[in-house]
PDB file of N, CA and C in Angstrom:
ATOM      1  N   MET A   1      27.916  13.727 -38.916  1.00  0.00           N
ATOM      2  CA  MET A   1      26.871  14.755 -38.915  1.00  0.00           C
ATOM      3  C   MET A   1      25.978  14.549 -40.117  1.00  0.00           C
ATOM      4  N   VAL A   2      24.675  14.818 -39.946  1.00  0.00           N
ATOM      5  CA  VAL A   2      23.693  14.644 -41.012  1.00  0.00           C
ATOM      6  C   VAL A   2      23.804  15.788 -42.000  1.00  0.00           C
ATOM      7  N   ASN A   3      23.800  15.497 -43.273  1.00  0.00           N
ATOM      8  CA  ASN A   3      23.838  16.533 -44.268  1.00  0.00           C
ATOM      9  C   ASN A   3      22.441  17.005 -44.591  1.00  0.00           C
ATOM     10  N   VAL A   4      22.109  18.188 -44.147  1.00  0.00           N
ATOM     11  CA  VAL A   4      20.802  18.776 -44.376  1.00  0.00           C
ATOM     12  C   VAL A   4      21.021  20.146 -44.969  1.00  0.00           C
ATOM     13  N   ALA A   5      20.327  20.446 -46.046  1.00  0.00           N
ATOM     14  CA  ALA A   5      20.454  21.774 -46.653  1.00  0.00           C
ATOM     15  C   ALA A   5      19.582  22.735 -45.872  1.00  0.00           C
ATOM     16  N   VAL A   6      20.210  23.722 -45.235  1.00  0.00           N
ATOM     17  CA  VAL A   6      19.475  24.714 -44.461  1.00  0.00           C
ATOM     18  C   VAL A   6      19.993  26.090 -44.846  1.00  0.00           C
ATOM     19  N   PRO A   7      19.147  27.080 -44.750  1.00  0.00           N
ATOM     20  CA  PRO A   7      19.627  28.429 -45.036  1.00  0.00           C
ATOM     21  C   PRO A   7      20.719  28.829 -44.030  1.00  0.00           C
ATOM     22  N   PRO A   8      21.678  29.607 -44.458  1.00  0.00           N
ATOM     23  CA  PRO A   8      22.750  30.013 -43.522  1.00  0.00           C
ATOM     24  C   PRO A   8      22.172  30.807 -42.360  1.00  0.00           C
ATOM     25  N   ASP A   9      22.848  30.707 -41.233  1.00  0.00           N
ATOM     26  CA  ASP A   9      22.499  31.435 -40.007  1.00  0.00           C
ATOM     27  C   ASP A   9      21.124  31.034 -39.447  1.00  0.00           C
ATOM     28  N   SER A  10      20.635  29.889 -39.795  1.00  0.00           N
ATOM     29  CA  SER A  10      19.357  29.482 -39.230  1.00  0.00           C
ATOM     30  C   SER A  10      19.565  28.788 -37.885  1.00  0.00           C
ATOM     31  N   ARG A  11      18.519  28.717 -37.120  1.00  0.00           N
ATOM     32  CA  ARG A  11      18.586  28.069 -35.804  1.00  0.00           C
ATOM     33  C   ARG A  11      18.878  26.580 -35.943  1.00  0.00           C
ATOM     34  N   LEU A  12      18.299  25.966 -36.976  1.00  0.00           N
ATOM     35  CA  LEU A  12      18.517  24.535 -37.197  1.00  0.00           C
ATOM     36  C   LEU A  12      19.982  24.250 -37.456  1.00  0.00           C
ATOM     37  N   GLU A  13      20.619  25.100 -38.273  1.00  0.00           N
ATOM     38  CA  GLU A  13      22.043  24.911 -38.549  1.00  0.00           C
ATOM     39  C   GLU A  13      22.852  25.040 -37.271  1.00  0.00           C
ATOM     40  N   MET A  14      22.493  25.970 -36.444  1.00  0.00           N
ATOM     41  CA  MET A  14      23.192  26.161 -35.172  1.00  0.00           C
ATOM     42  C   MET A  14      23.014  24.918 -34.281  1.00  0.00           C
ATOM     43  N   MET A  15      21.777  24.379 -34.237  1.00  0.00           N
ATOM     44  CA  MET A  15      21.530  23.194 -33.420  1.00  0.00           C
ATOM     45  C   MET A  15      22.291  21.979 -33.941  1.00  0.00           C
ATOM     46  N   LEU A  16      22.298  21.813 -35.283  1.00  0.00           N
ATOM     47  CA  LEU A  16      23.035  20.690 -35.848  1.00  0.00           C
ATOM     48  C   LEU A  16      24.531  20.815 -35.583  1.00  0.00           C
ATOM     49  N   SER A  17      25.069  22.018 -35.624  1.00  0.00           N
ATOM     50  CA  SER A  17      26.508  22.153 -35.345  1.00  0.00           C
ATOM     51  C   SER A  17      26.798  21.879 -33.882  1.00  0.00           C
ATOM     52  N   ARG A  18      25.874  22.197 -32.973  1.00  0.00           N
ATOM     53  CA  ARG A  18      26.063  21.878 -31.553  1.00  0.00           C
ATOM     54  C   ARG A  18      26.032  20.379 -31.312  1.00  0.00           C
ATOM     55  N   LEU A  19      25.128  19.689 -32.025  1.00  0.00           N
ATOM     56  CA  LEU A  19      25.036  18.240 -31.835  1.00  0.00           C
ATOM     57  C   LEU A  19      26.286  17.521 -32.315  1.00  0.00           C
ATOM     58  N   ALA A  20      27.073  18.148 -33.179  1.00  0.00           N
ATOM     59  CA  ALA A  20      28.304  17.537 -33.644  1.00  0.00           C
ATOM     60  C   ALA A  20      29.426  17.672 -32.618  1.00  0.00           C
ATOM     61  N   GLU A  21      29.256  18.537 -31.631  1.00  0.00           N
ATOM     62  CA  GLU A  21      30.277  18.716 -30.605  1.00  0.00           C
ATOM     63  C   GLU A  21      30.382  17.459 -29.745  1.00  0.00           C
ATOM     64  N   PRO A  22      31.585  17.187 -29.230  1.00  0.00           N
ATOM     65  CA  PRO A  22      31.751  15.994 -28.397  1.00  0.00           C
ATOM     66  C   PRO A  22      30.909  16.021 -27.107  1.00  0.00           C
ATOM     67  N   ASP A  23      30.677  17.183 -26.576  1.00  0.00           N
ATOM     68  CA  ASP A  23      29.932  17.287 -25.312  1.00  0.00           C
ATOM     69  C   ASP A  23      28.456  17.625 -25.545  1.00  0.00           C
ATOM     70  N   ALA A  24      27.944  17.349 -26.755  1.00  0.00           N
ATOM     71  CA  ALA A  24      26.566  17.734 -27.074  1.00  0.00           C
ATOM     72  C   ALA A  24      25.569  17.064 -26.123  1.00  0.00           C
ATOM     73  N   GLN A  25      25.746  15.792 -25.855  1.00  0.00           N
ATOM     74  CA  GLN A  25      24.801  15.091 -24.968  1.00  0.00           C
ATOM     75  C   GLN A  25      24.835  15.690 -23.558  1.00  0.00           C
ATOM     76  N   ALA A  26      26.017  16.029 -23.089  1.00  0.00           N
ATOM     77  CA  ALA A  26      26.128  16.640 -21.770  1.00  0.00           C
ATOM     78  C   ALA A  26      25.452  18.010 -21.718  1.00  0.00           C
ATOM     79  N   ILE A  27      25.581  18.771 -22.804  1.00  0.00           N
ATOM     80  CA  ILE A  27      24.953  20.086 -22.865  1.00  0.00           C
ATOM     81  C   ILE A  27      23.443  19.940 -22.859  1.00  0.00           C
ATOM     82  N   LEU A  28      22.923  19.020 -23.709  1.00  0.00           N
ATOM     83  CA  LEU A  28      21.472  18.814 -23.771  1.00  0.00           C
ATOM     84  C   LEU A  28      20.935  18.285 -22.442  1.00  0.00           C
ATOM     85  N   TRP A  29      21.662  17.375 -21.787  1.00  0.00           N
ATOM     86  CA  TRP A  29      21.246  16.846 -20.511  1.00  0.00           C
ATOM     87  C   TRP A  29      21.193  17.956 -19.458  1.00  0.00           C
ATOM     88  N   ALA A  30      22.202  18.818 -19.442  1.00  0.00           N
ATOM     89  CA  ALA A  30      22.236  19.929 -18.473  1.00  0.00           C
ATOM     90  C   ALA A  30      21.082  20.893 -18.722  1.00  0.00           C
ATOM     91  N   ALA A  31      20.750  21.155 -19.980  1.00  0.00           N
ATOM     92  CA  ALA A  31      19.628  22.026 -20.280  1.00  0.00           C
ATOM     93  C   ALA A  31      18.325  21.420 -19.808  1.00  0.00           C
ATOM     94  N   LYS A  32      18.138  20.110 -20.023  1.00  0.00           N
ATOM     95  CA  LYS A  32      16.922  19.458 -19.551  1.00  0.00           C
ATOM     96  C   LYS A  32      16.839  19.488 -18.022  1.00  0.00           C
ATOM     97  N   GLN A  33      17.954  19.240 -17.387  1.00  0.00           N
ATOM     98  CA  GLN A  33      17.973  19.281 -15.901  1.00  0.00           C
ATOM     99  C   GLN A  33      17.616  20.682 -15.401  1.00  0.00           C
ATOM    100  N   LYS A  34      18.105  21.707 -16.064  1.00  0.00           N
ATOM    101  CA  LYS A  34      17.819  23.060 -15.636  1.00  0.00           C
ATOM    102  C   LYS A  34      16.309  23.344 -15.794  1.00  0.00           C
ATOM    103  N   ARG A  35      15.704  22.912 -16.921  1.00  0.00           N
ATOM    104  CA  ARG A  35      14.266  23.112 -17.121  1.00  0.00           C
ATOM    105  C   ARG A  35      13.466  22.340 -16.079  1.00  0.00           C
ATOM    106  N   ARG A  36      13.883  21.112 -15.763  1.00  0.00           N
ATOM    107  CA  ARG A  36      13.181  20.346 -14.739  1.00  0.00           C
ATOM    108  C   ARG A  36      13.244  21.025 -13.376  1.00  0.00           C
ATOM    109  N   GLU A  37      14.430  21.528 -13.035  1.00  0.00           N
ATOM    110  CA  GLU A  37      14.568  22.206 -11.747  1.00  0.00           C
ATOM    111  C   GLU A  37      13.769  23.504 -11.698  1.00  0.00           C
ATOM    112  N   GLU A  38      13.694  24.242 -12.814  1.00  0.00           N
ATOM    113  CA  GLU A  38      12.851  25.444 -12.874  1.00  0.00           C
ATOM    114  C   GLU A  38      11.402  25.075 -12.682  1.00  0.00           C
ATOM    115  N   TRP A  39      10.945  23.956 -13.300  1.00  0.00           N
ATOM    116  CA  TRP A  39       9.568  23.529 -13.131  1.00  0.00           C
ATOM    117  C   TRP A  39       9.300  23.125 -11.678  1.00  0.00           C
ATOM    118  N   ARG A  40      10.228  22.375 -11.081  1.00  0.00           N
ATOM    119  CA  ARG A  40      10.043  21.976  -9.675  1.00  0.00           C
ATOM    120  C   ARG A  40       9.948  23.193  -8.756  1.00  0.00           C
ATOM    121  N   GLU A  41      10.779  24.193  -8.992  1.00  0.00           N
ATOM    122  CA  GLU A  41      10.744  25.387  -8.184  1.00  0.00           C
ATOM    123  C   GLU A  41       9.421  26.132  -8.370  1.00  0.00           C
ATOM    124  N   THR A  42       8.946  26.226  -9.621  1.00  0.00           N
ATOM    125  CA  THR A  42       7.665  26.852  -9.872  1.00  0.00           C
ATOM    126  C   THR A  42       6.551  26.092  -9.159  1.00  0.00           C
ATOM    127  N   ASN A  43       6.596  24.767  -9.211  1.00  0.00           N
ATOM    128  CA  ASN A  43       5.595  23.959  -8.543  1.00  0.00           C
ATOM    129  C   ASN A  43       5.678  24.141  -7.014  1.00  0.00           C
ATOM    130  N   ARG A  44       6.875  24.211  -6.475  1.00  0.00           N
ATOM    131  CA  ARG A  44       7.030  24.444  -5.018  1.00  0.00           C
ATOM    132  C   ARG A  44       6.392  25.756  -4.594  1.00  0.00           C
ATOM    133  N   ARG A  45       6.636  26.809  -5.399  1.00  0.00           N
ATOM    134  CA  ARG A  45       6.044  28.111  -5.080  1.00  0.00           C
ATOM    135  C   ARG A  45       4.533  28.057  -5.161  1.00  0.00           C
ATOM    136  N   TRP A  46       4.009  27.325  -6.155  1.00  0.00           N
ATOM    137  CA  TRP A  46       2.557  27.211  -6.314  1.00  0.00           C
ATOM    138  C   TRP A  46       1.954  26.483  -5.110  1.00  0.00           C
ATOM    139  N   VAL A  47       2.594  25.410  -4.682  1.00  0.00           N
ATOM    140  CA  VAL A  47       2.105  24.659  -3.528  1.00  0.00           C
ATOM    141  C   VAL A  47       2.131  25.528  -2.289  1.00  0.00           C
ATOM    142  N   ALA A  48       3.200  26.317  -2.115  1.00  0.00           N
ATOM    143  CA  ALA A  48       3.289  27.180  -0.943  1.00  0.00           C
ATOM    144  C   ALA A  48       2.173  28.207  -0.944  1.00  0.00           C
ATOM    145  N   ALA A  49       1.789  28.699  -2.108  1.00  0.00           N
ATOM    146  CA  ALA A  49       0.762  29.710  -2.198  1.00  0.00           C
ATOM    147  C   ALA A  49      -0.667  29.133  -2.104  1.00  0.00           C
ATOM    148  N   HIS A  50      -0.854  27.899  -2.634  1.00  0.00           N
ATOM    149  CA  HIS A  50      -2.183  27.344  -2.721  1.00  0.00           C
ATOM    150  C   HIS A  50      -2.446  26.154  -1.806  1.00  0.00           C
ATOM    151  N   GLY A  51      -1.411  25.604  -1.223  1.00  0.00           N
ATOM    152  CA  GLY A  51      -1.579  24.533  -0.246  1.00  0.00           C
ATOM    153  C   GLY A  51      -1.910  23.167  -0.862  1.00  0.00           C
ATOM    154  N   GLN A  52      -1.706  22.987  -2.139  1.00  0.00           N
ATOM    155  CA  GLN A  52      -1.961  21.683  -2.753  1.00  0.00           C
ATOM    156  C   GLN A  52      -1.139  21.543  -4.003  1.00  0.00           C
ATOM    157  N   ARG A  53      -0.953  20.311  -4.424  1.00  0.00           N
ATOM    158  CA  ARG A  53      -0.238  20.072  -5.674  1.00  0.00           C
ATOM    159  C   ARG A  53      -1.087  20.501  -6.850  1.00  0.00           C
ATOM    160  N   SER A  54      -0.430  20.832  -7.947  1.00  0.00           N
ATOM    161  CA  SER A  54      -1.198  21.290  -9.104  1.00  0.00           C
ATOM    162  C   SER A  54      -2.072  20.222  -9.699  1.00  0.00           C
ATOM    163  N   GLY A  55      -1.749  18.943  -9.438  1.00  0.00           N
ATOM    164  CA  GLY A  55      -2.584  17.886  -9.995  1.00  0.00           C
ATOM    165  C   GLY A  55      -3.754  17.469  -9.130  1.00  0.00           C
ATOM    166  N   SER A  56      -4.015  18.185  -8.043  1.00  0.00           N
ATOM    167  CA  SER A  56      -5.100  17.792  -7.158  1.00  0.00           C
ATOM    168  C   SER A  56      -6.184  18.827  -7.065  1.00  0.00           C
ATOM    169  N   GLY A  57      -6.364  19.594  -8.114  1.00  0.00           N
ATOM    170  CA  GLY A  57      -7.315  20.696  -8.121  1.00  0.00           C
ATOM    171  C   GLY A  57      -8.728  20.271  -8.359  1.00  0.00           C
ATOM    172  N   PRO A  58      -9.522  21.174  -8.947  1.00  0.00           N
ATOM    173  CA  PRO A  58     -10.963  20.965  -9.103  1.00  0.00           C
ATOM    174  C   PRO A  58     -11.361  19.694  -9.859  1.00  0.00           C
ATOM    175  N   LYS A  59     -10.635  19.309 -10.931  1.00  0.00           N
ATOM    176  CA  LYS A  59     -11.029  18.119 -11.665  1.00  0.00           C
ATOM    177  C   LYS A  59     -10.948  16.884 -10.779  1.00  0.00           C
ATOM    178  N   ARG A  60      -9.887  16.788 -10.007  1.00  0.00           N
ATOM    179  CA  ARG A  60      -9.717  15.637  -9.146  1.00  0.00           C
ATOM    180  C   ARG A  60     -10.778  15.593  -8.058  1.00  0.00           C
ATOM    181  N   SER A  61     -11.047  16.731  -7.418  1.00  0.00           N
ATOM    182  CA  SER A  61     -12.046  16.760  -6.353  1.00  0.00           C
ATOM    183  C   SER A  61     -13.439  16.496  -6.926  1.00  0.00           C
ATOM    184  N   ARG A  62     -13.712  16.932  -8.131  1.00  0.00           N
ATOM    185  CA  ARG A  62     -14.994  16.665  -8.769  1.00  0.00           C
ATOM    186  C   ARG A  62     -15.166  15.166  -9.002  1.00  0.00           C
ATOM    187  N   TRP A  63     -14.097  14.505  -9.457  1.00  0.00           N
ATOM    188  CA  TRP A  63     -14.169  13.070  -9.672  1.00  0.00           C
ATOM    189  C   TRP A  63     -14.395  12.331  -8.356  1.00  0.00           C
ATOM    190  N   ASN A  64     -13.724  12.760  -7.308  1.00  0.00           N
ATOM    191  CA  ASN A  64     -13.935  12.135  -5.981  1.00  0.00           C
ATOM    192  C   ASN A  64     -15.371  12.324  -5.525  1.00  0.00           C
ATOM    193  N   GLU A  65     -15.949  13.484  -5.782  1.00  0.00           N
ATOM    194  CA  GLU A  65     -17.328  13.736  -5.406  1.00  0.00           C
ATOM    195  C   GLU A  65     -18.283  12.802  -6.151  1.00  0.00           C
ATOM    196  N   ILE A  66     -18.027  12.580  -7.420  1.00  0.00           N
ATOM    197  CA  ILE A  66     -18.858  11.664  -8.220  1.00  0.00           C
ATOM    198  C   ILE A  66     -18.785  10.259  -7.634  1.00  0.00           C
ATOM    199  N   LYS A  67     -17.571   9.803  -7.298  1.00  0.00           N
ATOM    200  CA  LYS A  67     -17.441   8.464  -6.726  1.00  0.00           C
ATOM    201  C   LYS A  67     -18.156   8.385  -5.380  1.00  0.00           C
ATOM    202  N   LEU A  68     -18.073   9.407  -4.563  1.00  0.00           N
ATOM    203  CA  LEU A  68     -18.745   9.386  -3.254  1.00  0.00           C
ATOM    204  C   LEU A  68     -20.254   9.396  -3.416  1.00  0.00           C
ATOM    205  N   ARG A  69     -20.773  10.168  -4.354  1.00  0.00           N
ATOM    206  CA  ARG A  69     -22.223  10.180  -4.567  1.00  0.00           C
ATOM    207  C   ARG A  69     -22.729   8.816  -4.990  1.00  0.00           C
ATOM    208  N   ARG A  70     -21.939   8.089  -5.774  1.00  0.00           N
ATOM    209  CA  ARG A  70     -22.329   6.724  -6.129  1.00  0.00           C
ATOM    210  C   ARG A  70     -22.339   5.830  -4.875  1.00  0.00           C
ATOM    211  N   HIS A  71     -21.359   6.022  -4.010  1.00  0.00           N
ATOM    212  CA  HIS A  71     -21.252   5.205  -2.798  1.00  0.00           C
ATOM    213  C   HIS A  71     -22.460   5.444  -1.872  1.00  0.00           C
ATOM    214  N   PHE A  72     -22.871   6.701  -1.722  1.00  0.00           N
ATOM    215  CA  PHE A  72     -23.937   7.057  -0.799  1.00  0.00           C
ATOM    216  C   PHE A  72     -25.322   7.025  -1.435  1.00  0.00           C
ATOM    217  N   ALA A  73     -25.432   6.698  -2.703  1.00  0.00           N
ATOM    218  CA  ALA A  73     -26.717   6.728  -3.405  1.00  0.00           C
ATOM    219  C   ALA A  73     -27.762   5.884  -2.672  1.00  0.00           C
ATOM    220  N   GLY A  74     -28.932   6.471  -2.479  1.00  0.00           N
ATOM    221  CA  GLY A  74     -30.053   5.758  -1.815  1.00  0.00           C
ATOM    222  C   GLY A  74     -30.053   5.813  -0.309  1.00  0.00           C
ATOM    223  N   ARG A  75     -28.995   6.398   0.306  1.00  0.00           N
ATOM    224  CA  ARG A  75     -28.929   6.492   1.756  1.00  0.00           C
ATOM    225  C   ARG A  75     -29.557   7.812   2.225  1.00  0.00           C
ATOM    226  N   PRO A  76     -30.150   7.825   3.409  1.00  0.00           N
ATOM    227  CA  PRO A  76     -30.737   9.065   3.945  1.00  0.00           C
ATOM    228  C   PRO A  76     -29.666   9.938   4.626  1.00  0.00           C
ATOM    229  N   CYS A  77     -30.061  11.139   4.980  1.00  0.00           N
ATOM    230  CA  CYS A  77     -29.190  12.053   5.719  1.00  0.00           C
ATOM    231  C   CYS A  77     -28.763  11.369   7.039  1.00  0.00           C
ATOM    232  N   GLU A  78     -27.516  11.485   7.382  1.00  0.00           N
ATOM    233  CA  GLU A  78     -27.008  10.845   8.582  1.00  0.00           C
ATOM    234  C   GLU A  78     -27.476  11.522   9.873  1.00  0.00           C
ATOM    235  N   SER A  79     -28.002  12.738   9.745  1.00  0.00           N
ATOM    236  CA  SER A  79     -28.444  13.481  10.914  1.00  0.00           C
ATOM    237  C   SER A  79     -29.960  13.402  11.127  1.00  0.00           C
ATOM    238  N   CYS A  80     -30.742  13.662  10.059  1.00  0.00           N
ATOM    239  CA  CYS A  80     -32.210  13.719  10.233  1.00  0.00           C
ATOM    240  C   CYS A  80     -32.969  12.679   9.429  1.00  0.00           C
ATOM    241  N   SER A  81     -32.294  11.846   8.675  1.00  0.00           N
ATOM    242  CA  SER A  81     -32.864  10.747   7.898  1.00  0.00           C
ATOM    243  C   SER A  81     -33.744  11.168   6.715  1.00  0.00           C
ATOM    244  N   THR A  82     -33.698  12.408   6.306  1.00  0.00           N
ATOM    245  CA  THR A  82     -34.428  12.802   5.098  1.00  0.00           C
ATOM    246  C   THR A  82     -33.692  12.286   3.874  1.00  0.00           C
ATOM    247  N   THR A  83     -34.394  12.235   2.749  1.00  0.00           N
ATOM    248  CA  THR A  83     -33.773  11.759   1.513  1.00  0.00           C
ATOM    249  C   THR A  83     -33.739  12.857   0.432  1.00  0.00           C
ATOM    250  N   GLU A  84     -33.991  14.106   0.827  1.00  0.00           N
ATOM    251  CA  GLU A  84     -34.034  15.211  -0.130  1.00  0.00           C
ATOM    252  C   GLU A  84     -32.837  16.127   0.018  1.00  0.00           C
ATOM    253  N   ARG A  85     -32.379  16.658  -1.113  1.00  0.00           N
ATOM    254  CA  ARG A  85     -31.283  17.649  -1.186  1.00  0.00           C
ATOM    255  C   ARG A  85     -30.054  17.172  -0.416  1.00  0.00           C
ATOM    256  N   LEU A  86     -29.568  15.979  -0.683  1.00  0.00           N
ATOM    257  CA  LEU A  86     -28.435  15.429   0.026  1.00  0.00           C
ATOM    258  C   LEU A  86     -27.109  15.951  -0.539  1.00  0.00           C
ATOM    259  N   GLU A  87     -26.149  16.157   0.368  1.00  0.00           N
ATOM    260  CA  GLU A  87     -24.849  16.712   0.004  1.00  0.00           C
ATOM    261  C   GLU A  87     -23.734  15.980   0.712  1.00  0.00           C
ATOM    262  N   ILE A  88     -22.559  16.015   0.115  1.00  0.00           N
ATOM    263  CA  ILE A  88     -21.367  15.457   0.743  1.00  0.00           C
ATOM    264  C   ILE A  88     -20.781  16.520   1.676  1.00  0.00           C
ATOM    265  N   SER A  89     -20.506  16.120   2.909  1.00  0.00           N
ATOM    266  CA  SER A  89     -19.903  17.035   3.873  1.00  0.00           C
ATOM    267  C   SER A  89     -18.629  16.401   4.408  1.00  0.00           C
ATOM    268  N   HIS A  90     -17.571  17.175   4.492  1.00  0.00           N
ATOM    269  CA  HIS A  90     -16.322  16.688   5.046  1.00  0.00           C
ATOM    270  C   HIS A  90     -16.313  16.956   6.556  1.00  0.00           C
ATOM    271  N   VAL A  91     -15.947  15.965   7.343  1.00  0.00           N
ATOM    272  CA  VAL A  91     -15.814  16.165   8.786  1.00  0.00           C
ATOM    273  C   VAL A  91     -14.708  17.205   9.034  1.00  0.00           C
ATOM    274  N   LEU A  92     -13.546  16.992   8.417  1.00  0.00           N
ATOM    275  CA  LEU A  92     -12.452  17.962   8.421  1.00  0.00           C
ATOM    276  C   LEU A  92     -12.336  18.459   6.998  1.00  0.00           C
ATOM    277  N   SER A  93     -12.538  19.756   6.786  1.00  0.00           N
ATOM    278  CA  SER A  93     -12.586  20.282   5.411  1.00  0.00           C
ATOM    279  C   SER A  93     -11.272  20.038   4.657  1.00  0.00           C
ATOM    280  N   VAL A  94     -11.383  19.970   3.346  1.00  0.00           N
ATOM    281  CA  VAL A  94     -10.209  19.754   2.510  1.00  0.00           C
ATOM    282  C   VAL A  94      -9.195  20.887   2.688  1.00  0.00           C
ATOM    283  N   ASP A  95      -9.699  22.112   2.879  1.00  0.00           N
ATOM    284  CA  ASP A  95      -8.826  23.266   3.096  1.00  0.00           C
ATOM    285  C   ASP A  95      -8.007  23.130   4.350  1.00  0.00           C
ATOM    286  N   GLU A  96      -8.507  22.387   5.337  1.00  0.00           N
ATOM    287  CA  GLU A  96      -7.795  22.192   6.602  1.00  0.00           C
ATOM    288  C   GLU A  96      -7.044  20.869   6.643  1.00  0.00           C
ATOM    289  N   GLY A  97      -6.916  20.203   5.497  1.00  0.00           N
ATOM    290  CA  GLY A  97      -6.147  18.979   5.425  1.00  0.00           C
ATOM    291  C   GLY A  97      -6.972  17.707   5.396  1.00  0.00           C
ATOM    292  N   GLY A  98      -8.305  17.837   5.322  1.00  0.00           N
ATOM    293  CA  GLY A  98      -9.164  16.692   5.209  1.00  0.00           C
ATOM    294  C   GLY A  98      -9.044  16.014   3.855  1.00  0.00           C
ATOM    295  N   THR A  99      -9.480  14.761   3.774  1.00  0.00           N
ATOM    296  CA  THR A  99      -9.378  14.005   2.546  1.00  0.00           C
ATOM    297  C   THR A  99     -10.756  13.571   2.077  1.00  0.00           C
ATOM    298  N   TYR A 100     -10.776  12.889   0.948  1.00  0.00           N
ATOM    299  CA  TYR A 100     -11.995  12.325   0.436  1.00  0.00           C
ATOM    300  C   TYR A 100     -12.185  10.886   0.895  1.00  0.00           C
ATOM    301  N   ASP A 101     -11.454  10.474   1.899  1.00  0.00           N
ATOM    302  CA  ASP A 101     -11.593   9.149   2.443  1.00  0.00           C
ATOM    303  C   ASP A 101     -12.960   9.018   3.131  1.00  0.00           C
ATOM    304  N   LEU A 102     -13.561   7.856   3.090  1.00  0.00           N
ATOM    305  CA  LEU A 102     -14.894   7.657   3.649  1.00  0.00           C
ATOM    306  C   LEU A 102     -14.964   7.982   5.129  1.00  0.00           C
ATOM    307  N   SER A 103     -13.849   7.827   5.849  1.00  0.00           N
ATOM    308  CA  SER A 103     -13.847   8.155   7.282  1.00  0.00           C
ATOM    309  C   SER A 103     -13.974   9.652   7.534  1.00  0.00           C
ATOM    310  N   ASN A 104     -13.777  10.471   6.502  1.00  0.00           N
ATOM    311  CA  ASN A 104     -13.849  11.926   6.647  1.00  0.00           C
ATOM    312  C   ASN A 104     -15.092  12.497   5.951  1.00  0.00           C
ATOM    313  N   ILE A 105     -16.040  11.656   5.581  1.00  0.00           N
ATOM    314  CA  ILE A 105     -17.212  12.110   4.815  1.00  0.00           C
ATOM    315  C   ILE A 105     -18.485  11.842   5.584  1.00  0.00           C
ATOM    316  N   GLN A 106     -19.398  12.825   5.549  1.00  0.00           N
ATOM    317  CA  GLN A 106     -20.748  12.669   6.062  1.00  0.00           C
ATOM    318  C   GLN A 106     -21.721  12.903   4.913  1.00  0.00           C
ATOM    319  N   TRP A 107     -22.827  12.217   4.934  1.00  0.00           N
ATOM    320  CA  TRP A 107     -23.871  12.364   3.916  1.00  0.00           C
ATOM    321  C   TRP A 107     -25.023  13.091   4.600  1.00  0.00           C
ATOM    322  N   LEU A 108     -25.145  14.404   4.342  1.00  0.00           N
ATOM    323  CA  LEU A 108     -26.123  15.254   5.030  1.00  0.00           C
ATOM    324  C   LEU A 108     -27.052  15.938   4.044  1.00  0.00           C
ATOM    325  N   CYS A 109     -28.271  16.238   4.515  1.00  0.00           N
ATOM    326  CA  CYS A 109     -29.177  17.040   3.684  1.00  0.00           C
ATOM    327  C   CYS A 109     -28.660  18.487   3.725  1.00  0.00           C
ATOM    328  N   HIS A 110     -29.189  19.318   2.853  1.00  0.00           N
ATOM    329  CA  HIS A 110     -28.723  20.711   2.754  1.00  0.00           C
ATOM    330  C   HIS A 110     -28.850  21.452   4.079  1.00  0.00           C
ATOM    331  N   ASP A 111     -29.998  21.322   4.758  1.00  0.00           N
ATOM    332  CA  ASP A 111     -30.222  22.050   6.018  1.00  0.00           C
ATOM    333  C   ASP A 111     -29.263  21.589   7.107  1.00  0.00           C
ATOM    334  N   CYS A 112     -29.063  20.278   7.246  1.00  0.00           N
ATOM    335  CA  CYS A 112     -28.125  19.762   8.244  1.00  0.00           C
ATOM    336  C   CYS A 112     -26.696  20.180   7.924  1.00  0.00           C
ATOM    337  N   HIS A 113     -26.376  20.209   6.626  1.00  0.00           N
ATOM    338  CA  HIS A 113     -25.024  20.638   6.207  1.00  0.00           C
ATOM    339  C   HIS A 113     -24.788  22.101   6.611  1.00  0.00           C
ATOM    340  N   LEU A 114     -25.794  22.944   6.408  1.00  0.00           N
ATOM    341  CA  LEU A 114     -25.648  24.358   6.814  1.00  0.00           C
ATOM    342  C   LEU A 114     -25.483  24.481   8.329  1.00  0.00           C
ATOM    343  N   ARG A 115     -26.294  23.714   9.074  1.00  0.00           N
ATOM    344  CA  ARG A 115     -26.174  23.737  10.545  1.00  0.00           C
ATOM    345  C   ARG A 115     -24.797  23.252  10.990  1.00  0.00           C
ATOM    346  N   TYR A 116     -24.283  22.224  10.341  1.00  0.00           N
ATOM    347  CA  TYR A 116     -22.952  21.702  10.673  1.00  0.00           C
ATOM    348  C   TYR A 116     -21.875  22.755  10.388  1.00  0.00           C
ATOM    349  N   GLN A 117     -21.960  23.415   9.235  1.00  0.00           N
ATOM    350  CA  GLN A 117     -20.993  24.449   8.908  1.00  0.00           C
ATOM    351  C   GLN A 117     -21.074  25.642   9.885  1.00  0.00           C
ATOM    352  N   ASP A 118     -22.286  26.018  10.289  1.00  0.00           N
ATOM    353  CA  ASP A 118     -22.436  27.086  11.282  1.00  0.00           C
ATOM    354  C   ASP A 118     -21.831  26.697  12.608  1.00  0.00           C
ATOM    355  N   ALA A 119     -22.047  25.428  13.003  1.00  0.00           N
ATOM    356  CA  ALA A 119     -21.487  24.965  14.276  1.00  0.00           C
ATOM    357  C   ALA A 119     -19.939  24.988  14.227  1.00  0.00           C
ATOM    358  N   LEU A 120     -19.358  24.694  13.079  1.00  0.00           N
ATOM    359  CA  LEU A 120     -17.899  24.743  12.954  1.00  0.00           C
ATOM    360  C   LEU A 120     -17.399  26.189  12.974  1.00  0.00           C
ATOM    361  N   ALA A 121     -18.150  27.071  12.316  1.00  0.00           N
ATOM    362  CA  ALA A 121     -17.722  28.471  12.221  1.00  0.00           C
ATOM    363  C   ALA A 121     -17.916  29.217  13.560  1.00  0.00           C
ATOM    364  N   HIS A 122     -18.922  28.810  14.333  1.00  0.00           N
ATOM    365  CA  HIS A 122     -19.245  29.489  15.595  1.00  0.00           C
ATOM    366  C   HIS A 122     -19.377  28.467  16.731  1.00  0.00           C
ATOM    367  N   PRO A 123     -18.295  27.858  17.171  1.00  0.00           N
ATOM    368  CA  PRO A 123     -18.386  26.838  18.214  1.00  0.00           C
ATOM    369  C   PRO A 123     -18.893  27.455  19.522  1.00  0.00           C
ATOM    370  N   GLY A 124     -19.740  26.697  20.241  1.00  0.00           N
ATOM    371  CA  GLY A 124     -20.211  27.153  21.533  1.00  0.00           C
ATOM    372  C   GLY A 124     -21.426  28.056  21.495  1.00  0.00           C
ATOM    373  N   ILE A 125     -21.924  28.375  20.303  1.00  0.00           N
ATOM    374  CA  ILE A 125     -23.087  29.256  20.238  1.00  0.00           C
ATOM    375  C   ILE A 125     -24.336  28.414  20.060  1.00  0.00           C
TER     376      ILE A 125
END
C-alpha cells in the first residue's frame, strides 16, 4: 500500500484502504460495469423516446447537410430548373426513417419543396 499522509476519515483514506483489499480490482470492475449498464439503459430510454441515438442529433445532420450542399452546388432545381433559393429535400423524411444517402435526397427550390411537402401531407388533393 502507498504511504500517503491524509487527514483521518477522509474519502481518499477510505479509497486507499479499499484498494489494499484482495478483491479491490473485482469491486472496481463491478462498479464500472454497473455504471456502464446504467448508461446503456439511459441511452435505451432516450432512443425509445426520441427515435434516434444520442450521437446522431442536430450536429450530425447539420454536417450531412453541408456535405450535400457541396455535392449539389451549381445544380438547378430537379423539378422546375430554377437556380434560386435551393434546398435539400428528403424523399423519405429523416423522422420516418429516411437517411442522408444521395438516393434519398432531392435538390429543390423553396417553392417546389413546399409543394412536395404539401403533397406528402395531403395525398390525393
